[in-house]
Protein backbone atom coordinates (compact mmCIF):
# COMPACT_ATOMS: atom_id res chain seq x y z
CA MET A 1 0.00 0.00 0.00
CA SER A 2 1.37 3.40 -1.04
CA VAL A 3 0.36 6.34 1.16
CA THR A 4 0.81 9.86 -0.20
CA LEU A 5 -0.17 13.34 0.96
CA SER A 6 -3.79 14.24 0.22
CA ALA A 7 -4.08 15.87 -3.22
CA THR A 8 -5.85 18.93 -1.81
CA LEU A 9 -3.28 19.48 0.93
CA ALA A 10 -0.38 18.86 -1.46
CA ALA A 11 -1.78 21.37 -3.96
CA ASN A 12 -2.32 23.94 -1.21
CA GLU A 13 1.28 23.63 -0.06
CA ASP A 14 2.60 23.89 -3.62
CA ILE A 15 0.56 27.00 -4.37
CA GLU A 16 1.61 28.67 -1.13
CA ARG A 17 5.25 27.90 -1.96
CA ARG A 18 4.83 29.52 -5.38
CA ARG A 19 3.21 32.58 -3.83
CA ARG A 20 6.08 32.99 -1.38
CA ALA A 21 8.43 32.87 -4.35
CA GLY A 22 6.62 35.84 -5.87
CA GLU A 23 4.36 34.11 -8.38
CA ARG A 24 0.84 35.41 -8.91
CA VAL A 25 -1.34 32.32 -8.37
CA LEU A 26 -5.11 32.35 -8.14
CA HIS A 27 -5.84 29.74 -5.48
CA LEU A 28 -8.77 27.62 -6.67
CA ALA A 29 -7.47 24.29 -5.41
CA PHE A 30 -8.32 24.17 -1.71
CA GLY A 31 -11.76 23.59 -0.21
CA GLU A 32 -11.41 25.88 2.78
CA ALA A 33 -14.46 28.01 3.55
CA GLY A 34 -12.36 31.18 3.48
CA LEU A 35 -14.29 33.19 6.07
CA PRO A 36 -13.54 34.49 9.60
CA VAL A 37 -14.66 32.84 12.83
CA HIS A 38 -17.88 34.33 14.21
CA PRO A 39 -17.16 36.27 17.45
CA ALA A 40 -19.79 34.28 19.38
CA LEU A 41 -17.92 31.06 18.64
CA ARG A 42 -14.58 32.61 19.49
CA ASP A 43 -15.97 33.72 22.85
CA ARG A 44 -17.43 30.28 23.59
CA LEU A 45 -14.10 28.63 22.83
CA ALA A 46 -12.22 31.07 25.04
CA ALA A 47 -14.65 30.55 27.91
CA ALA A 48 -14.10 26.78 27.73
CA SER A 49 -10.31 26.96 27.48
CA GLU A 50 -9.84 25.57 31.01
CA ARG A 51 -11.56 22.32 30.06
CA ASN A 52 -8.59 20.02 29.58
CA GLY A 53 -9.94 16.58 30.42
CA TYR A 54 -10.35 13.88 27.80
CA GLY A 55 -14.09 13.40 28.22
CA PRO A 56 -16.23 10.55 26.81
CA VAL A 57 -15.04 8.84 23.64
CA ALA A 58 -18.45 9.40 22.01
CA GLY A 59 -18.27 13.11 22.78
CA ALA A 60 -19.65 15.36 25.50
CA SER A 61 -23.32 14.86 26.32
CA GLY A 62 -24.07 18.51 25.60
CA LEU A 63 -22.64 18.29 22.08
CA ARG A 64 -24.42 15.02 21.33
CA ALA A 65 -27.72 16.49 22.50
CA ALA A 66 -27.17 19.63 20.41
CA ALA A 67 -26.35 17.57 17.31
CA ALA A 68 -29.45 15.44 17.89
CA GLY A 69 -31.49 18.65 18.02
CA TYR A 70 -29.85 19.88 14.82
CA TRP A 71 -31.02 16.80 12.91
CA THR A 72 -34.42 16.73 14.60
CA ARG A 73 -35.10 20.29 13.41
CA ARG A 74 -34.30 19.05 9.88
CA GLY A 75 -36.92 16.32 10.08
CA LEU A 76 -34.76 13.46 11.37
CA VAL A 77 -35.68 12.72 14.98
CA THR A 78 -32.41 11.70 16.61
CA ASP A 79 -31.45 9.96 19.85
CA PRO A 80 -28.34 11.60 21.38
CA GLU A 81 -27.11 8.11 22.28
CA LEU A 82 -26.73 7.41 18.56
CA VAL A 83 -24.56 10.48 17.96
CA VAL A 84 -20.79 10.04 17.88
CA CYS A 85 -18.43 13.02 17.81
CA GLY A 86 -14.91 13.19 16.44
CA PRO A 87 -12.09 15.59 15.50
CA GLY A 88 -13.67 16.46 12.16
CA SER A 89 -16.07 14.48 9.99
CA LYS A 90 -13.04 13.24 8.04
CA SER A 91 -11.91 11.21 11.06
CA LEU A 92 -15.43 9.92 11.58
CA LEU A 93 -15.64 8.80 7.94
CA TYR A 94 -12.39 6.87 8.36
CA GLY A 95 -13.68 5.26 11.55
CA LEU A 96 -16.95 4.32 9.87
CA ILE A 97 -15.29 2.75 6.83
CA LEU A 98 -13.06 0.73 9.15
CA ALA A 99 -15.90 -0.26 11.50
CA ILE A 100 -18.30 -1.32 8.73
CA GLY A 101 -15.63 -3.28 6.88
CA GLY A 102 -15.72 -4.83 3.43
CA ASP A 103 -15.48 -3.00 0.13
CA ILE A 104 -17.30 0.28 -0.51
CA VAL A 105 -19.11 1.85 -3.47
CA LEU A 106 -18.16 5.46 -4.21
CA PRO A 107 -19.47 8.01 -6.69
CA MET A 108 -17.15 8.86 -9.57
CA PRO A 109 -15.87 11.52 -9.22
CA SER A 110 -15.83 11.89 -5.43
CA TRP A 111 -13.84 13.67 -2.75
CA VAL A 112 -10.19 12.61 -2.80
CA SER A 113 -10.10 11.21 0.75
CA TYR A 114 -12.87 8.62 0.38
CA ALA A 115 -10.90 6.23 -1.83
CA ALA A 116 -7.67 6.99 0.02
CA GLN A 117 -9.25 6.13 3.38
CA ALA A 118 -10.72 2.94 1.94
CA ASP A 119 -7.26 1.97 0.73
CA LEU A 120 -5.78 2.64 4.17
CA VAL A 121 -8.17 0.17 5.82
CA GLY A 122 -7.85 -2.47 3.07
CA SER A 123 -11.21 -1.76 1.46
CA ARG A 124 -11.30 -1.77 -2.34
CA PRO A 125 -13.53 1.03 -3.65
CA ILE A 126 -15.95 0.42 -6.50
CA LEU A 127 -16.26 3.67 -8.45
CA VAL A 128 -19.64 4.22 -10.08
CA PRO A 129 -20.56 7.35 -12.12
CA ALA A 130 -23.42 9.57 -11.01
CA PRO A 131 -26.44 9.98 -13.28
CA PRO A 132 -25.91 12.65 -15.98
CA GLY A 133 -26.21 16.17 -14.60
CA GLU A 134 -26.06 15.02 -10.99
CA GLY A 135 -23.24 14.44 -8.54
CA GLY A 136 -22.44 12.83 -5.23
CA VAL A 137 -24.66 9.75 -5.61
CA PRO A 138 -23.67 6.81 -7.85
CA ASP A 139 -26.20 5.72 -10.44
CA PRO A 140 -28.41 3.21 -8.57
CA ASP A 141 -28.79 0.84 -11.54
CA LEU A 142 -25.02 0.68 -12.01
CA VAL A 143 -24.52 0.19 -8.27
CA ALA A 144 -26.79 -2.86 -8.29
CA ALA A 145 -25.01 -4.41 -11.26
CA GLN A 146 -21.49 -3.77 -10.00
CA VAL A 147 -22.14 -4.92 -6.45
CA ARG A 148 -23.68 -8.17 -7.71
CA GLN A 149 -20.72 -8.69 -10.02
CA ALA A 150 -18.22 -8.00 -7.24
CA ARG A 151 -19.98 -10.41 -4.90
CA ALA A 152 -20.05 -13.05 -7.62
CA GLU A 153 -16.26 -12.66 -7.74
CA GLY A 154 -16.04 -13.37 -4.02
CA ARG A 155 -15.73 -9.80 -2.76
CA THR A 156 -17.54 -8.54 0.33
CA VAL A 157 -19.28 -5.24 -0.37
CA ASN A 158 -20.92 -3.68 2.68
CA SER A 159 -21.45 0.03 2.05
CA VAL A 160 -22.06 2.89 -0.36
CA LEU A 161 -21.02 6.48 0.31
CA VAL A 162 -22.79 9.60 -0.98
CA THR A 163 -22.17 13.36 -0.70
CA LEU A 164 -25.11 15.80 -0.57
CA PRO A 165 -24.45 18.32 -2.09
CA ASP A 166 -21.33 17.13 -3.79
CA ASN A 167 -17.63 17.82 -3.71
CA PRO A 168 -16.17 18.04 -6.42
CA THR A 169 -19.08 18.83 -8.74
CA GLY A 170 -21.14 21.21 -6.59
CA ARG A 171 -24.27 19.36 -7.71
CA LEU A 172 -27.10 17.84 -5.67
CA ALA A 173 -28.59 14.43 -6.44
CA THR A 174 -32.33 14.52 -7.05
CA PRO A 175 -34.74 13.07 -4.48
CA GLU A 176 -35.65 10.38 -7.02
CA THR A 177 -32.02 9.26 -7.36
CA VAL A 178 -31.63 9.16 -3.57
CA ARG A 179 -34.80 7.10 -3.23
CA ARG A 180 -33.67 4.68 -5.93
CA LEU A 181 -30.28 4.26 -4.26
CA ALA A 182 -32.00 3.59 -0.94
CA GLU A 183 -34.03 0.82 -2.59
CA VAL A 184 -30.89 -0.74 -4.03
CA ALA A 185 -29.12 -0.49 -0.67
CA ARG A 186 -32.06 -2.20 1.02
CA ASP A 187 -32.15 -4.98 -1.59
CA LEU A 188 -28.40 -5.57 -1.33
CA ASP A 189 -28.12 -4.94 2.43
CA LEU A 190 -25.69 -2.04 2.06
CA THR A 191 -25.04 0.57 4.73
CA ILE A 192 -25.32 4.09 3.32
CA ILE A 193 -22.80 6.64 4.56
CA SER A 194 -24.15 10.10 3.75
CA ASP A 195 -21.63 12.95 3.96
CA GLU A 196 -23.85 16.02 4.40
CA ILE A 197 -21.28 18.58 5.48
CA TYR A 198 -22.44 21.02 2.77
CA ARG A 199 -26.17 20.62 3.47
CA ASP A 200 -26.57 24.07 5.00
CA LEU A 201 -24.78 25.70 2.05
CA MET A 202 -27.32 24.98 -0.66
CA HIS A 203 -27.31 28.06 -2.89
CA ASP A 204 -31.09 27.91 -3.31
CA PRO A 205 -32.67 26.63 -0.08
CA ASP A 206 -35.91 25.93 -1.97
CA VAL A 207 -34.32 23.17 -4.06
CA PRO A 208 -35.71 19.82 -2.79
CA TYR A 209 -33.23 18.09 -0.48
CA THR A 210 -33.59 14.42 0.40
CA SER A 211 -31.20 12.61 2.70
CA PRO A 212 -30.95 8.81 2.45
CA ALA A 213 -31.94 8.86 6.14
CA ASP A 214 -35.33 10.25 5.09
CA VAL A 215 -36.08 7.14 3.04
CA ALA A 216 -33.81 4.44 4.51
CA PRO A 217 -33.34 5.45 8.17
CA GLU A 218 -32.55 1.90 9.27
CA ARG A 219 -29.32 1.77 7.24
CA THR A 220 -28.09 5.35 6.84
CA VAL A 221 -25.25 7.01 8.75
CA ILE A 222 -24.95 10.79 8.35
CA THR A 223 -21.76 12.75 8.96
CA THR A 224 -21.40 16.50 9.18
CA GLY A 225 -19.30 19.18 10.84
CA LEU A 226 -18.70 22.90 11.11
CA SER A 227 -15.69 23.31 8.83
CA LYS A 228 -17.76 24.40 5.83
CA SER A 229 -20.96 26.08 7.08
CA LEU A 230 -19.16 28.08 9.79
CA ALA A 231 -15.61 28.05 8.36
CA LEU A 232 -14.12 26.15 11.31
CA GLY A 233 -11.84 23.78 9.40
CA GLY A 234 -8.95 24.33 11.77
CA TRP A 235 -11.04 23.55 14.84
CA ARG A 236 -11.56 19.93 13.75
CA ILE A 237 -14.99 18.89 15.01
CA GLY A 238 -17.55 16.59 13.42
CA VAL A 239 -20.56 14.49 14.35
CA ALA A 240 -22.13 11.30 13.02
CA ARG A 241 -25.75 10.18 13.31
CA LEU A 242 -26.09 6.40 13.45
CA PRO A 243 -29.25 4.47 12.50
CA GLU A 244 -31.75 3.39 15.13
CA GLY A 245 -30.72 0.05 16.60
CA ALA A 246 -27.14 0.32 15.31
CA HIS A 247 -25.65 -0.38 18.73
CA SER A 248 -23.11 -2.87 17.40
CA LEU A 249 -21.87 -0.36 14.82
CA ARG A 250 -21.67 2.27 17.55
CA GLN A 251 -19.48 0.05 19.69
CA ARG A 252 -17.16 -0.65 16.75
CA VAL A 253 -16.88 3.04 15.88
CA LEU A 254 -16.13 3.90 19.50
CA ALA A 255 -13.50 1.17 19.64
CA VAL A 256 -11.79 2.73 16.62
CA ALA A 257 -12.12 6.21 18.11
CA SER A 258 -10.68 5.13 21.44
CA GLU A 259 -7.49 3.94 19.74
CA ILE A 260 -7.06 6.84 17.31
CA TRP A 261 -8.34 10.14 18.79
CA SER A 262 -9.59 9.23 22.31
CA ALA A 263 -12.03 12.17 22.36
CA PRO A 264 -12.53 15.45 20.49
CA ALA A 265 -10.92 18.55 22.02
CA ALA A 266 -13.06 19.56 25.01
CA PRO A 267 -13.11 23.37 24.45
CA VAL A 268 -14.04 22.92 20.80
CA GLN A 269 -16.90 20.63 21.81
CA GLU A 270 -18.31 23.41 23.99
CA ALA A 271 -18.33 25.86 21.10
CA ALA A 272 -19.71 23.22 18.72
CA ALA A 273 -22.60 22.45 21.08
CA TYR A 274 -23.57 26.11 20.87
CA ALA A 275 -23.28 26.11 17.06
CA PHE A 276 -25.40 22.98 16.57
CA GLY A 277 -28.12 24.67 18.61
CA ASP A 278 -28.76 26.94 15.56
CA PRO A 279 -28.69 30.28 17.45
CA TYR A 280 -29.87 33.21 15.37
CA GLU A 281 -26.50 34.95 14.99
CA LEU A 282 -24.97 31.77 13.56
CA THR A 283 -27.85 30.87 11.25
CA GLU A 284 -27.62 34.44 9.98
CA ARG A 285 -23.88 33.95 9.35
CA ILE A 286 -24.56 30.71 7.48
CA GLU A 287 -27.19 32.45 5.37
CA LEU A 288 -24.70 35.16 4.41
CA SER A 289 -22.07 32.50 3.65
CA ARG A 290 -24.49 30.53 1.50
CA ARG A 291 -25.29 33.66 -0.49
CA LEU A 292 -21.64 34.61 -0.96
CA HIS A 293 -20.56 31.11 -2.02
CA GLY A 294 -23.39 30.91 -4.54
CA THR A 295 -22.74 34.36 -6.00
CA VAL A 296 -19.03 33.84 -6.53
CA ALA A 297 -19.44 30.24 -7.72
CA ARG A 298 -21.89 31.37 -10.40
CA ALA A 299 -19.52 34.14 -11.48
CA VAL A 300 -16.66 31.65 -11.85
CA HIS A 301 -19.00 29.25 -13.65
CA ASP A 302 -19.80 31.97 -16.19
CA ARG A 303 -16.12 32.58 -16.91
CA PHE A 304 -15.49 28.92 -17.69
CA ALA A 305 -18.64 28.79 -19.81
CA GLU A 306 -17.45 31.82 -21.80
CA ILE A 307 -14.48 29.86 -23.15
CA GLY A 308 -16.68 26.92 -24.17
CA ALA A 309 -16.06 24.66 -21.18
CA SER A 310 -18.79 22.22 -20.24
CA VAL A 311 -19.51 23.07 -16.60
CA PRO A 312 -22.61 22.11 -14.60
CA THR A 313 -24.18 25.00 -12.70
CA PRO A 314 -23.15 24.68 -9.03
CA GLN A 315 -25.96 24.14 -6.54
CA GLY A 316 -24.21 23.94 -3.18
CA GLY A 317 -20.93 24.52 -1.39
CA PHE A 318 -18.17 26.35 -3.24
CA TYR A 319 -17.12 23.98 -6.00
CA LEU A 320 -17.36 23.64 -9.77
CA TYR A 321 -16.24 20.85 -12.06
CA PRO A 322 -15.53 22.22 -15.56
CA ASP A 323 -14.57 20.02 -18.49
CA LEU A 324 -11.94 21.62 -20.75
CA SER A 325 -11.63 18.68 -23.15
CA HIS A 326 -12.73 20.86 -26.06
CA LEU A 327 -9.31 22.56 -25.96
CA ARG A 328 -7.57 19.26 -26.74
CA LEU A 329 -4.66 20.05 -24.43
CA GLY A 330 -4.48 16.61 -22.85
CA GLY A 331 -6.06 15.03 -19.82
CA SER A 332 -6.61 16.36 -16.32
CA THR A 333 -2.90 16.28 -15.38
CA GLU A 334 -1.88 18.24 -18.44
CA ILE A 335 -4.60 20.89 -18.22
CA THR A 336 -3.94 21.38 -14.49
CA LYS A 337 -0.24 21.91 -15.17
CA ILE A 338 -0.93 24.38 -18.00
CA LEU A 339 -3.36 26.37 -15.88
CA LEU A 340 -0.91 26.65 -13.00
CA GLU A 341 2.44 27.06 -14.71
CA GLU A 342 1.39 29.17 -17.69
CA HIS A 343 -1.62 31.11 -16.41
CA GLY A 344 -1.24 31.20 -12.63
CA ILE A 345 -4.54 29.39 -11.96
CA GLY A 346 -4.33 26.64 -9.35
CA VAL A 347 -6.96 23.87 -9.58
CA LEU A 348 -7.07 20.13 -8.86
CA PRO A 349 -7.05 17.48 -11.60
CA GLY A 350 -10.16 15.35 -12.00
CA HIS A 351 -8.21 12.11 -11.77
CA ALA A 352 -7.48 12.93 -8.09
CA PHE A 353 -11.22 12.42 -7.57
CA GLY A 354 -11.25 9.05 -9.31
CA ASP A 355 -12.20 10.45 -12.71
CA ASP A 356 -10.88 9.31 -16.08
CA PRO A 357 -7.33 10.78 -16.36
CA SER A 358 -7.75 11.30 -20.11
CA ALA A 359 -10.65 13.72 -19.53
CA ALA A 360 -9.65 17.36 -18.99
CA ARG A 361 -11.91 17.86 -15.99
CA VAL A 362 -10.74 19.86 -12.99
CA ARG A 363 -12.11 20.73 -9.55
CA VAL A 364 -12.40 24.46 -8.87
CA ALA A 365 -12.92 25.84 -5.35
CA VAL A 366 -13.94 29.52 -5.18
CA SER A 367 -13.82 30.08 -1.44
CA LEU A 368 -10.33 31.61 -1.26
CA LEU A 369 -11.29 34.45 -3.62
CA TYR A 370 -13.03 36.47 -0.91
CA GLY A 371 -9.99 38.38 0.32
CA GLU A 372 -6.61 38.12 2.01
CA THR A 373 -7.54 39.77 5.32
CA THR A 374 -10.31 39.38 7.86
CA GLU A 375 -11.58 42.84 6.94
CA GLU A 376 -11.84 41.97 3.25
CA ARG A 377 -13.57 38.67 3.94
CA LEU A 378 -16.11 40.26 6.26
CA ALA A 379 -16.77 42.92 3.64
CA ALA A 380 -17.37 40.18 1.05
CA LEU A 381 -19.68 38.39 3.45
CA THR A 382 -21.89 41.39 4.12
CA SER A 383 -21.76 43.13 0.74
CA PRO A 384 -24.98 43.15 -1.32
CA ASP A 385 -22.74 42.97 -4.39
CA PRO A 386 -19.52 41.11 -3.52
CA LEU A 387 -18.49 40.88 -7.19
CA SER A 388 -18.02 44.66 -7.25
CA LEU A 389 -15.46 44.64 -4.43
CA PRO A 390 -12.05 45.53 -5.91
CA TRP A 391 -10.19 42.43 -4.75
CA ILE A 392 -12.88 39.99 -5.88
CA ALA A 393 -13.27 41.83 -9.19
CA ALA A 394 -9.49 41.65 -9.67
CA ASN A 395 -9.47 37.91 -8.98
CA LEU A 396 -12.27 37.30 -11.47
CA GLU A 397 -10.53 39.45 -14.10
CA PHE A 398 -7.30 37.50 -13.59
CA LEU A 399 -9.25 34.27 -14.05
CA SER A 400 -10.96 35.54 -17.20
CA THR A 401 -7.65 36.65 -18.70
CA GLY A 402 -5.96 33.34 -18.00
CA LEU A 403 -8.83 31.28 -19.35
CA SER A 404 -9.13 33.43 -22.48
CA ARG A 405 -5.50 32.65 -23.30
CA LEU A 406 -6.08 28.91 -23.11
CA SER A 407 -5.62 27.50 -26.58
CA PRO A 408 -3.35 24.84 -28.10
CA VAL A 409 -1.30 27.43 -29.99
CA ARG A 410 -0.90 29.84 -27.09
CA SER A 411 -0.09 27.05 -24.67
CA ARG A 412 2.63 25.62 -26.90
CA THR A 413 4.18 29.07 -27.21
CA ALA A 414 4.00 29.61 -23.46
CA ARG A 415 5.59 26.24 -22.80
CA GLU A 416 8.51 27.12 -25.02
CA ARG A 417 9.00 30.39 -23.09
CA GLY A 418 8.56 28.78 -19.69
CA PRO A 419 6.48 30.06 -16.77
CA ALA A 420 6.54 33.76 -15.99
CA LEU A 421 6.74 35.31 -12.55
CA VAL A 422 4.14 38.01 -12.04
CA PRO A 423 4.23 40.29 -8.96
CA LEU A 424 1.44 39.84 -6.46
CA PRO A 425 -1.13 42.66 -6.40
CA CYS A 426 -2.26 44.31 -3.18
CA HIS A 427 -5.50 42.31 -3.01
CA GLY A 428 -6.65 38.68 -3.52
């Protein structure tokens, strides 16, 4: 087994290195929410700073009760005893994959860490494309066929993982697709792991949202956290909602947790319990974040569409997944290299998400375009027209210029010259 640094983290470090060297790089490769901590959360964390005990492996009772309330208010009545907390939903996903065991079905494309975590625990992922125009949920008909084939070959397949809404595509699976997948999972006795960390960042809250737990509650585990909706990636806190009656799974997950992270950080749990209570000042912040992410994501979408890229309209989070194959510049590795080295645009290649390497699809994250300082980011968050702010407008203009210069002829010429160093501007 070969273990390498996560593609997103590796790209982030490379881009930061280039920036320190004086290169102008537009950072579209890292899925960080890009917004300041809300003062109410900062104050809660500071007030709990003296809490230095380990606490229960499953998480503090106050946090588990708050998370249960969070899901109950979203139509999923939840027993706090079936909530497990961890240092980020990423850790919980790893613990779940290990505790459930067997091979796992993943959407193609899907977040880089799913397949990597499966590999770490000895689970072989089965990559299944999403239905056309959707993302995050593998096509149910293809899931049924591939699971049956894998089992006929002697493999043990126990789970399927979905992301609602999706990273990398920014799309949301339709309620019908979710219901069909739930039927397949029931027929094949698969546990559904539903990563819903972007649920509260749907650009249009009126778009129908169906969780697998709505239609298959007996076999669905939900994970979420605060790193995206409240921009707390560095605080590392996540929660998982287990199905009713899943006491054996709970014990296995807690056994994994006890050997890997012992318990989430106690002060962070205090702040997270407050956040999962949905207080007004935080739901207001999430609403502003949702609006900002959607506005900038649509603006970036339009700039890719202008050069003829095939790019689904983003529906949630801060991601897009354009296809630049029409330029005939190679696959995802080649187009990513050209964008970065010749045009100063940092993105992630589609093959890092399990996609076909020959396709020139890339994952674009817009959330680091909002500004370089806390003041700029807050201004972006509260502005009725964030695209008019000078630093965001400059970032979008830089993107438009770079994309407009993408052509086989121009790229060959640029490659012969080699990459140019461009001074960093004051903003963005």
